[in-house]
Amino acid sequence: MTITIGQNIKTLRAKKQITQKQLAAYLGVTEQAVSRWESGSGFPDIQLLPSIASFFSVTTDDLLGLNHTEREQRLAEIRQTIREWNETGESSEETVAQSRLWAAEFPGEEDIQVQLADELCAYTMWDEKPKTGLLQEAEMLYRTLTETTNDPEFRNSVLEKLAALYAIGFRDAIRTEETADRLPSMKYSRESVKATVFAVWARDHGEPEMLCHTQDYIERLTDSLGTIMTQYVLQDIPNEPERWDEKIGYFEQILSLYTLVFGENALFYHERLAYLHRVIATYTVAQGKTEETLERLEKMADHALLADKAAAGDRYTSVFLDKLTYSGPTEDFDAYVVHNCSYWCRQRLDQNRYDSIRDTERFRAVCERLENAMK
């Protein structure tokens, strides 16, 4: 059995972004001693192991490098399950209990800790009378992570979750705003700054490929705007029958926004277009517009199948994005883990709202196309 404690200490120290001198001061040893450990020319005293492990929020087995492969396999399995939960929206007492076990098993893994807080929120935050104790537990986890992490992007993601908890769970406008104000301004975001400075670079140095940063910003802004506008029309414009045509008109304009930016080769964003056509169909079917409803569902299927065909490395062809390639599923996209877009579109067609057209040949054809493509 190979003991890799020196390399492990070096890796953990780098991850925590502290110096050998800082670690030595915490442990009450010399900086030279830490250097010898990391170089493999010496080992820490056995009595120091619990303190070192505690400092890095890992177990002594982790510190010694024991069962590293098994540990990584275990973490990979847990993270896969979490991705599946996130896609299906599964949340229950059982998922909360399981998340607690994972958090206890891996106290040093930030994503596992935040998962517990996320699960606590998902389980009760949207209730009319949420369980205050669970929300307070989630708040404590989020706050602790914002203070202990050395990853600024992770901190920002946790701050976003904490702001949502204050707004929805605690209904506390003051703490919501205070938390949100800790996030960077949109003006000084990474994407905004790159878009601005590299656009100047591209013009001054005759290197148009540098416009990829501007295009990346356009891509992100378009999807953020399209998503928030869609939710605004759905949820914040009164859903009264006399306003349905007005809402459909807004959805049409959002479709035009996506089409303008992404063109015919929308790759992943065909999923957004499929969703919008399906949303419009829910209004037209309620209005008794059979022909229009079937047309919308056919377009929904067209876009769902195209979304499922998109693969990493595919290029956008729109003038606004022609220097970009599709990266494949990432944290920036709604990656389908368990099922694909065709599956979820087909599931929605089982809703009672479509009973009036269920027996038509065109409706059955839409179902069949999706069933043949879904996974």
Protein backbone atom coordinates (compact mmCIF):
# COMPACT_ATOMS: atom_id res chain seq x y z
CA MET A 1 0.00 0.00 0.00
CA THR A 2 1.39 3.41 -1.02
CA ILE A 3 0.99 6.28 1.43
CA THR A 4 0.54 9.54 -0.49
CA ILE A 5 -0.01 11.90 2.44
CA GLY A 6 2.62 14.41 1.31
CA GLN A 7 1.13 14.86 -2.15
CA ASN A 8 -2.36 14.93 -0.64
CA ILE A 9 -1.40 17.72 1.75
CA LYS A 10 0.10 19.67 -1.13
CA THR A 11 -3.06 19.22 -3.24
CA LEU A 12 -5.40 20.13 -0.39
CA ARG A 13 -3.30 23.15 0.51
CA ALA A 14 -3.37 24.40 -3.09
CA LYS A 15 -7.13 23.88 -3.24
CA LYS A 16 -7.57 25.89 -0.06
CA GLN A 17 -5.14 28.50 -1.42
CA ILE A 18 -2.90 28.75 1.67
CA THR A 19 0.88 28.75 1.97
CA GLN A 20 3.13 26.22 3.67
CA LYS A 21 3.85 28.90 6.27
CA GLN A 22 0.14 29.35 7.07
CA LEU A 23 -0.40 25.61 7.45
CA ALA A 24 2.69 25.31 9.63
CA ALA A 25 1.46 28.09 11.90
CA TYR A 26 -1.91 26.40 12.34
CA LEU A 27 -0.30 23.06 13.22
CA GLY A 28 2.46 24.51 15.39
CA VAL A 29 5.31 23.12 13.28
CA THR A 30 7.99 24.68 11.10
CA GLU A 31 7.51 25.66 7.48
CA GLN A 32 10.44 23.34 6.67
CA ALA A 33 8.53 20.40 8.17
CA VAL A 34 5.57 21.00 5.86
CA SER A 35 8.00 21.27 2.93
CA ARG A 36 9.54 17.90 3.82
CA TRP A 37 6.12 16.26 4.00
CA GLU A 38 5.12 17.56 0.59
CA SER A 39 8.41 16.55 -1.01
CA GLY A 40 8.09 13.02 0.39
CA SER A 41 11.25 13.24 2.49
CA GLY A 42 9.32 12.98 5.74
CA PHE A 43 5.91 12.33 7.28
CA PRO A 44 3.86 14.24 9.85
CA ASP A 45 3.68 12.86 13.38
CA ILE A 46 0.70 10.53 13.73
CA GLN A 47 -0.73 12.78 16.45
CA LEU A 48 -1.00 15.59 13.90
CA LEU A 49 -3.15 13.62 11.44
CA PRO A 50 -6.55 14.47 13.03
CA SER A 51 -5.65 18.18 13.12
CA ILE A 52 -4.48 18.17 9.50
CA ALA A 53 -7.60 16.27 8.37
CA SER A 54 -9.86 18.63 10.34
CA PHE A 55 -8.17 21.69 8.85
CA PHE A 56 -8.89 20.48 5.32
CA SER A 57 -12.36 19.08 6.19
CA VAL A 58 -11.42 15.55 5.09
CA THR A 59 -11.10 12.21 6.83
CA THR A 60 -7.74 10.78 7.91
CA ASP A 61 -8.27 8.03 5.31
CA ASP A 62 -8.61 10.73 2.65
CA LEU A 63 -5.48 12.39 3.96
CA LEU A 64 -3.51 9.16 3.78
CA GLY A 65 -4.79 8.46 0.29
CA LEU A 66 -6.48 5.22 1.28
CA ASN A 67 -9.19 3.85 -1.04
CA HIS A 68 -8.88 6.88 -3.28
CA THR A 69 -10.28 5.10 -6.32
CA GLU A 70 -13.26 3.77 -4.41
CA ARG A 71 -13.90 7.23 -2.97
CA GLU A 72 -13.89 8.87 -6.40
CA GLN A 73 -16.18 6.19 -7.79
CA ARG A 74 -18.54 6.74 -4.88
CA LEU A 75 -18.55 10.50 -5.46
CA ALA A 76 -19.17 10.00 -9.19
CA GLU A 77 -22.20 7.80 -8.41
CA ILE A 78 -23.58 10.36 -5.96
CA ARG A 79 -23.15 13.22 -8.40
CA GLN A 80 -24.86 11.26 -11.15
CA THR A 81 -27.84 10.62 -8.85
CA ILE A 82 -27.98 14.32 -7.99
CA ARG A 83 -28.05 15.23 -11.69
CA GLU A 84 -30.92 12.79 -12.20
CA TRP A 85 -32.84 14.29 -9.29
CA ASN A 86 -32.33 17.78 -10.70
CA GLU A 87 -33.71 16.76 -14.09
CA THR A 88 -36.77 14.94 -12.80
CA GLY A 89 -37.50 17.44 -10.01
CA GLU A 90 -37.64 14.64 -7.47
CA SER A 91 -37.79 15.90 -3.86
CA SER A 92 -39.09 14.13 -0.77
CA GLU A 93 -38.28 13.22 2.82
CA GLU A 94 -36.24 10.34 1.39
CA THR A 95 -34.11 12.58 -0.84
CA VAL A 96 -33.50 14.94 2.08
CA ALA A 97 -32.46 12.04 4.29
CA GLN A 98 -30.15 10.67 1.60
CA SER A 99 -28.60 14.10 1.09
CA ARG A 100 -27.88 14.29 4.83
CA LEU A 101 -26.05 10.97 4.67
CA TRP A 102 -23.95 12.12 1.72
CA ALA A 103 -23.09 15.41 3.45
CA ALA A 104 -21.95 13.52 6.54
CA GLU A 105 -19.95 11.09 4.42
CA PHE A 106 -18.13 13.84 2.48
CA PRO A 107 -17.88 16.92 4.73
CA GLY A 108 -15.10 18.41 2.61
CA GLU A 109 -16.96 18.31 -0.73
CA GLU A 110 -18.61 21.69 -1.30
CA ASP A 111 -20.97 20.48 -4.02
CA ILE A 112 -22.26 17.70 -1.75
CA GLN A 113 -22.83 20.18 1.08
CA VAL A 114 -24.68 22.60 -1.18
CA GLN A 115 -26.78 19.71 -2.48
CA LEU A 116 -28.12 19.14 1.03
CA ALA A 117 -29.10 22.80 1.30
CA ASP A 118 -30.67 22.68 -2.18
CA GLU A 119 -32.67 19.60 -1.27
CA LEU A 120 -33.92 21.15 1.98
CA CYS A 121 -35.14 24.16 0.01
CA ALA A 122 -36.70 22.12 -2.79
CA TYR A 123 -38.57 19.99 -0.27
CA THR A 124 -40.31 22.78 1.63
CA MET A 125 -39.47 26.29 0.34
CA TRP A 126 -42.42 26.42 -2.07
CA ASP A 127 -44.98 25.27 0.50
CA GLU A 128 -47.62 27.72 1.67
CA LYS A 129 -46.30 27.15 5.19
CA PRO A 130 -42.69 26.02 4.77
CA LYS A 131 -40.88 24.16 7.53
CA THR A 132 -38.87 26.93 9.13
CA GLY A 133 -36.38 24.60 10.80
CA LEU A 134 -35.37 23.07 7.48
CA LEU A 135 -35.02 26.47 5.85
CA GLN A 136 -32.85 27.70 8.71
CA GLU A 137 -30.64 24.65 8.27
CA ALA A 138 -30.30 25.42 4.56
CA GLU A 139 -29.54 29.06 5.35
CA MET A 140 -26.75 28.03 7.71
CA LEU A 141 -25.23 25.73 5.10
CA TYR A 142 -25.36 28.38 2.38
CA ARG A 143 -23.92 31.09 4.63
CA THR A 144 -21.10 28.84 5.79
CA LEU A 145 -20.18 27.91 2.24
CA THR A 146 -20.05 31.55 1.12
CA GLU A 147 -17.59 32.25 3.94
CA THR A 148 -15.35 29.18 3.59
CA THR A 149 -15.07 28.59 -0.16
CA ASN A 150 -12.10 29.88 -2.13
CA ASP A 151 -13.93 29.51 -5.44
CA PRO A 152 -15.50 32.88 -6.36
CA GLU A 153 -17.85 31.36 -8.95
CA PHE A 154 -19.07 28.78 -6.45
CA ARG A 155 -19.59 31.56 -3.90
CA ASN A 156 -21.67 33.52 -6.40
CA SER A 157 -23.82 30.49 -7.19
CA VAL A 158 -24.44 29.96 -3.47
CA LEU A 159 -25.29 33.62 -2.98
CA GLU A 160 -27.90 33.28 -5.73
CA LYS A 161 -29.42 30.29 -3.94
CA LEU A 162 -29.35 32.14 -0.60
CA ALA A 163 -31.10 35.16 -2.11
CA ALA A 164 -33.82 32.86 -3.49
CA LEU A 165 -34.19 31.26 -0.07
CA TYR A 166 -34.68 34.65 1.59
CA ALA A 167 -37.16 35.76 -1.08
CA ILE A 168 -39.27 32.63 -1.45
CA GLY A 169 -38.74 30.71 1.78
CA PHE A 170 -38.45 33.50 4.34
CA ARG A 171 -40.20 36.23 2.31
CA ASP A 172 -37.61 38.67 3.59
CA ALA A 173 -37.05 41.50 1.10
CA ILE A 174 -34.28 43.17 3.07
CA ARG A 175 -32.07 40.10 3.38
CA THR A 176 -32.84 39.16 -0.23
CA GLU A 177 -31.55 42.49 -1.47
CA GLU A 178 -28.55 42.51 0.86
CA THR A 179 -27.53 39.06 -0.37
CA ALA A 180 -28.08 39.86 -4.05
CA ASP A 181 -26.03 43.05 -3.66
CA ARG A 182 -23.01 40.90 -2.78
CA LEU A 183 -23.00 39.57 -6.35
CA PRO A 184 -21.03 41.38 -9.07
CA SER A 185 -22.76 43.91 -11.29
CA MET A 186 -23.85 42.71 -14.72
CA LYS A 187 -21.76 45.52 -16.19
CA TYR A 188 -18.55 44.01 -14.83
CA SER A 189 -19.27 40.36 -15.49
CA ARG A 190 -16.60 38.23 -17.13
CA GLU A 191 -18.63 37.91 -20.33
CA SER A 192 -19.35 41.64 -20.54
CA VAL A 193 -15.73 42.69 -20.08
CA LYS A 194 -14.42 40.13 -22.57
CA ALA A 195 -17.03 41.15 -25.14
CA THR A 196 -16.00 44.80 -24.83
CA VAL A 197 -12.22 44.54 -24.81
CA PHE A 198 -11.87 41.77 -27.38
CA ALA A 199 -14.19 43.57 -29.78
CA VAL A 200 -11.70 46.46 -29.73
CA TRP A 201 -8.86 43.96 -30.18
CA ALA A 202 -10.59 42.38 -33.18
CA ARG A 203 -11.06 45.75 -34.90
CA ASP A 204 -7.62 47.18 -34.12
CA HIS A 205 -5.59 44.08 -34.95
CA GLY A 206 -7.65 42.61 -37.77
CA GLU A 207 -8.37 39.39 -35.85
CA PRO A 208 -12.10 38.73 -36.27
CA GLU A 209 -11.84 35.38 -34.49
CA MET A 210 -11.54 37.35 -31.24
CA LEU A 211 -15.19 38.29 -31.72
CA CYS A 212 -16.01 34.87 -30.30
CA HIS A 213 -16.11 36.60 -26.89
CA THR A 214 -18.69 39.08 -28.13
CA GLN A 215 -20.71 36.25 -29.63
CA ASP A 216 -20.53 34.28 -26.39
CA TYR A 217 -21.98 37.30 -24.61
CA ILE A 218 -24.75 37.64 -27.21
CA GLU A 219 -25.57 33.94 -26.79
CA ARG A 220 -25.83 34.18 -23.01
CA LEU A 221 -27.77 37.43 -23.01
CA THR A 222 -30.25 36.12 -25.57
CA ASP A 223 -31.04 32.98 -23.64
CA SER A 224 -31.26 34.82 -20.31
CA LEU A 225 -33.59 37.41 -21.83
CA GLY A 226 -35.70 34.83 -23.66
CA THR A 227 -36.06 32.68 -20.55
CA ILE A 228 -37.02 35.51 -18.19
CA MET A 229 -39.42 37.03 -20.72
CA THR A 230 -41.11 33.65 -21.23
CA GLN A 231 -41.58 33.20 -17.50
CA TYR A 232 -42.84 36.77 -17.17
CA VAL A 233 -45.52 36.27 -19.82
CA LEU A 234 -46.52 32.93 -18.31
CA GLN A 235 -46.66 33.92 -14.68
CA ASP A 236 -46.97 37.69 -14.38
CA ILE A 237 -49.42 38.64 -17.11
CA PRO A 238 -52.93 37.68 -15.93
CA ASN A 239 -53.99 34.37 -17.45
CA GLU A 240 -57.46 35.52 -18.43
CA PRO A 241 -58.99 34.14 -21.67
CA GLU A 242 -59.38 37.60 -23.14
CA ARG A 243 -55.60 38.07 -22.86
CA TRP A 244 -54.54 34.74 -24.35
CA ASP A 245 -54.05 36.13 -27.86
CA GLU A 246 -51.93 38.92 -26.39
CA LYS A 247 -49.76 36.39 -24.56
CA ILE A 248 -49.39 34.29 -27.70
CA GLY A 249 -48.22 37.43 -29.50
CA TYR A 250 -45.48 37.94 -26.91
CA PHE A 251 -44.39 34.31 -27.22
CA GLU A 252 -44.17 34.81 -31.00
CA GLN A 253 -41.84 37.76 -30.47
CA ILE A 254 -39.65 35.72 -28.12
CA LEU A 255 -39.48 33.03 -30.80
CA SER A 256 -38.39 35.73 -33.23
CA LEU A 257 -35.63 36.80 -30.83
CA TYR A 258 -34.21 33.27 -30.73
CA THR A 259 -34.55 32.92 -34.49
CA LEU A 260 -32.79 36.25 -35.09
CA VAL A 261 -29.80 35.32 -32.93
CA PHE A 262 -29.52 31.57 -33.53
CA GLY A 263 -30.88 31.30 -37.07
CA GLU A 264 -31.99 27.94 -38.41
CA ASN A 265 -29.16 26.01 -36.76
CA ALA A 266 -30.04 26.61 -33.10
CA LEU A 267 -28.46 23.35 -31.82
CA PHE A 268 -29.20 23.13 -28.07
CA TYR A 269 -31.56 26.10 -28.28
CA HIS A 270 -34.02 24.13 -30.40
CA GLU A 271 -35.12 22.95 -26.95
CA ARG A 272 -36.18 26.51 -26.10
CA LEU A 273 -38.08 26.79 -29.37
CA ALA A 274 -39.80 23.44 -28.79
CA TYR A 275 -40.86 24.64 -25.35
CA LEU A 276 -42.30 27.90 -26.68
CA HIS A 277 -44.33 26.15 -29.38
CA ARG A 278 -45.69 23.74 -26.76
CA VAL A 279 -46.64 26.63 -24.47
CA ILE A 280 -48.50 28.34 -27.31
CA ALA A 281 -50.30 25.06 -28.04
CA THR A 282 -51.66 25.01 -24.48
CA TYR A 283 -53.45 28.28 -25.23
CA THR A 284 -54.66 27.46 -28.72
CA VAL A 285 -56.08 24.10 -27.69
CA ALA A 286 -58.01 25.82 -24.89
CA GLN A 287 -59.37 28.24 -27.50
CA GLY A 288 -60.57 25.33 -29.60
CA LYS A 289 -58.15 26.15 -32.45
CA THR A 290 -57.45 22.61 -33.60
CA GLU A 291 -55.49 23.40 -36.75
CA GLU A 292 -53.21 25.92 -35.06
CA THR A 293 -52.66 23.60 -32.11
CA LEU A 294 -51.58 20.75 -34.37
CA GLU A 295 -49.23 23.06 -36.25
CA ARG A 296 -47.62 24.15 -32.98
CA LEU A 297 -47.19 20.58 -31.78
CA GLU A 298 -45.63 19.58 -35.10
CA LYS A 299 -43.16 22.45 -34.79
CA MET A 300 -42.49 21.42 -31.21
CA ALA A 301 -41.58 17.91 -32.42
CA ASP A 302 -39.38 19.34 -35.20
CA HIS A 303 -37.36 21.36 -32.73
CA ALA A 304 -37.21 18.61 -30.10
CA LEU A 305 -35.66 16.19 -32.58
CA LEU A 306 -33.15 18.80 -33.72
CA ALA A 307 -32.21 19.58 -30.11
CA ASP A 308 -31.56 15.90 -29.45
CA LYS A 309 -29.28 15.66 -32.48
CA ALA A 310 -27.03 18.53 -31.37
CA ALA A 311 -23.54 17.28 -30.52
CA ALA A 312 -20.42 18.84 -29.06
CA GLY A 313 -18.37 20.44 -31.80
CA ASP A 314 -21.34 21.40 -33.99
CA ARG A 315 -21.03 24.94 -35.30
CA TYR A 316 -23.60 27.69 -35.18
CA THR A 317 -24.22 29.34 -38.57
CA SER A 318 -25.95 32.57 -37.57
CA VAL A 319 -24.01 35.77 -38.29
CA PHE A 320 -24.22 36.51 -34.56
CA LEU A 321 -22.69 33.16 -33.51
CA ASP A 322 -20.72 31.84 -36.46
CA LYS A 323 -17.45 31.82 -34.51
CA LEU A 324 -18.84 29.54 -31.80
CA THR A 325 -19.22 25.79 -31.53
CA TYR A 326 -21.64 23.94 -29.29
CA SER A 327 -19.77 22.67 -26.26
CA GLY A 328 -22.27 19.97 -25.38
CA PRO A 329 -24.05 19.76 -22.01
CA THR A 330 -22.43 21.91 -19.31
CA GLU A 331 -23.57 23.67 -16.15
CA ASP A 332 -24.68 26.55 -18.37
CA PHE A 333 -27.21 24.37 -20.14
CA ASP A 334 -30.11 22.23 -19.00
CA ALA A 335 -28.33 18.97 -19.68
CA TYR A 336 -30.65 15.99 -20.08
CA VAL A 337 -29.27 13.25 -17.87
CA VAL A 338 -32.03 10.66 -17.65
CA HIS A 339 -34.12 11.49 -20.73
CA ASN A 340 -33.89 13.74 -23.78
CA CYS A 341 -36.01 16.61 -25.09
CA SER A 342 -38.20 14.30 -27.18
CA TYR A 343 -39.05 12.28 -24.07
CA TRP A 344 -40.21 15.29 -22.09
CA CYS A 345 -42.23 16.70 -25.00
CA ARG A 346 -43.95 13.34 -25.44
CA GLN A 347 -44.77 13.16 -21.72
CA ARG A 348 -46.58 16.51 -21.87
CA LEU A 349 -48.86 15.24 -24.63
CA ASP A 350 -50.52 12.90 -22.12
CA GLN A 351 -52.16 15.92 -20.46
CA ASN A 352 -55.97 15.99 -20.53
CA ARG A 353 -55.94 19.31 -22.35
CA TYR A 354 -55.22 17.42 -25.61
CA ASP A 355 -58.12 14.97 -25.34
CA SER A 356 -60.10 16.85 -28.00
CA ILE A 357 -57.42 16.18 -30.65
CA ARG A 358 -55.92 12.97 -29.34
CA ASP A 359 -57.56 10.77 -31.95
CA THR A 360 -56.56 12.88 -34.94
CA GLU A 361 -54.02 11.42 -37.35
CA ARG A 362 -51.68 14.40 -37.02
CA PHE A 363 -51.60 14.24 -33.23
CA ARG A 364 -50.82 10.53 -33.34
CA ALA A 365 -48.07 11.25 -35.87
CA VAL A 366 -46.46 13.79 -33.52
CA CYS A 367 -46.56 11.25 -30.69
CA GLU A 368 -45.02 8.59 -32.89
CA ARG A 369 -42.16 10.85 -34.03
CA LEU A 370 -41.30 11.72 -30.45
CA GLU A 371 -41.59 8.13 -29.26
CA ASN A 372 -39.17 6.97 -31.95
CA ALA A 373 -36.60 9.57 -30.86
CA MET A 374 -37.02 9.64 -27.11
CA LYS A 375 -34.75 8.02 -24.59
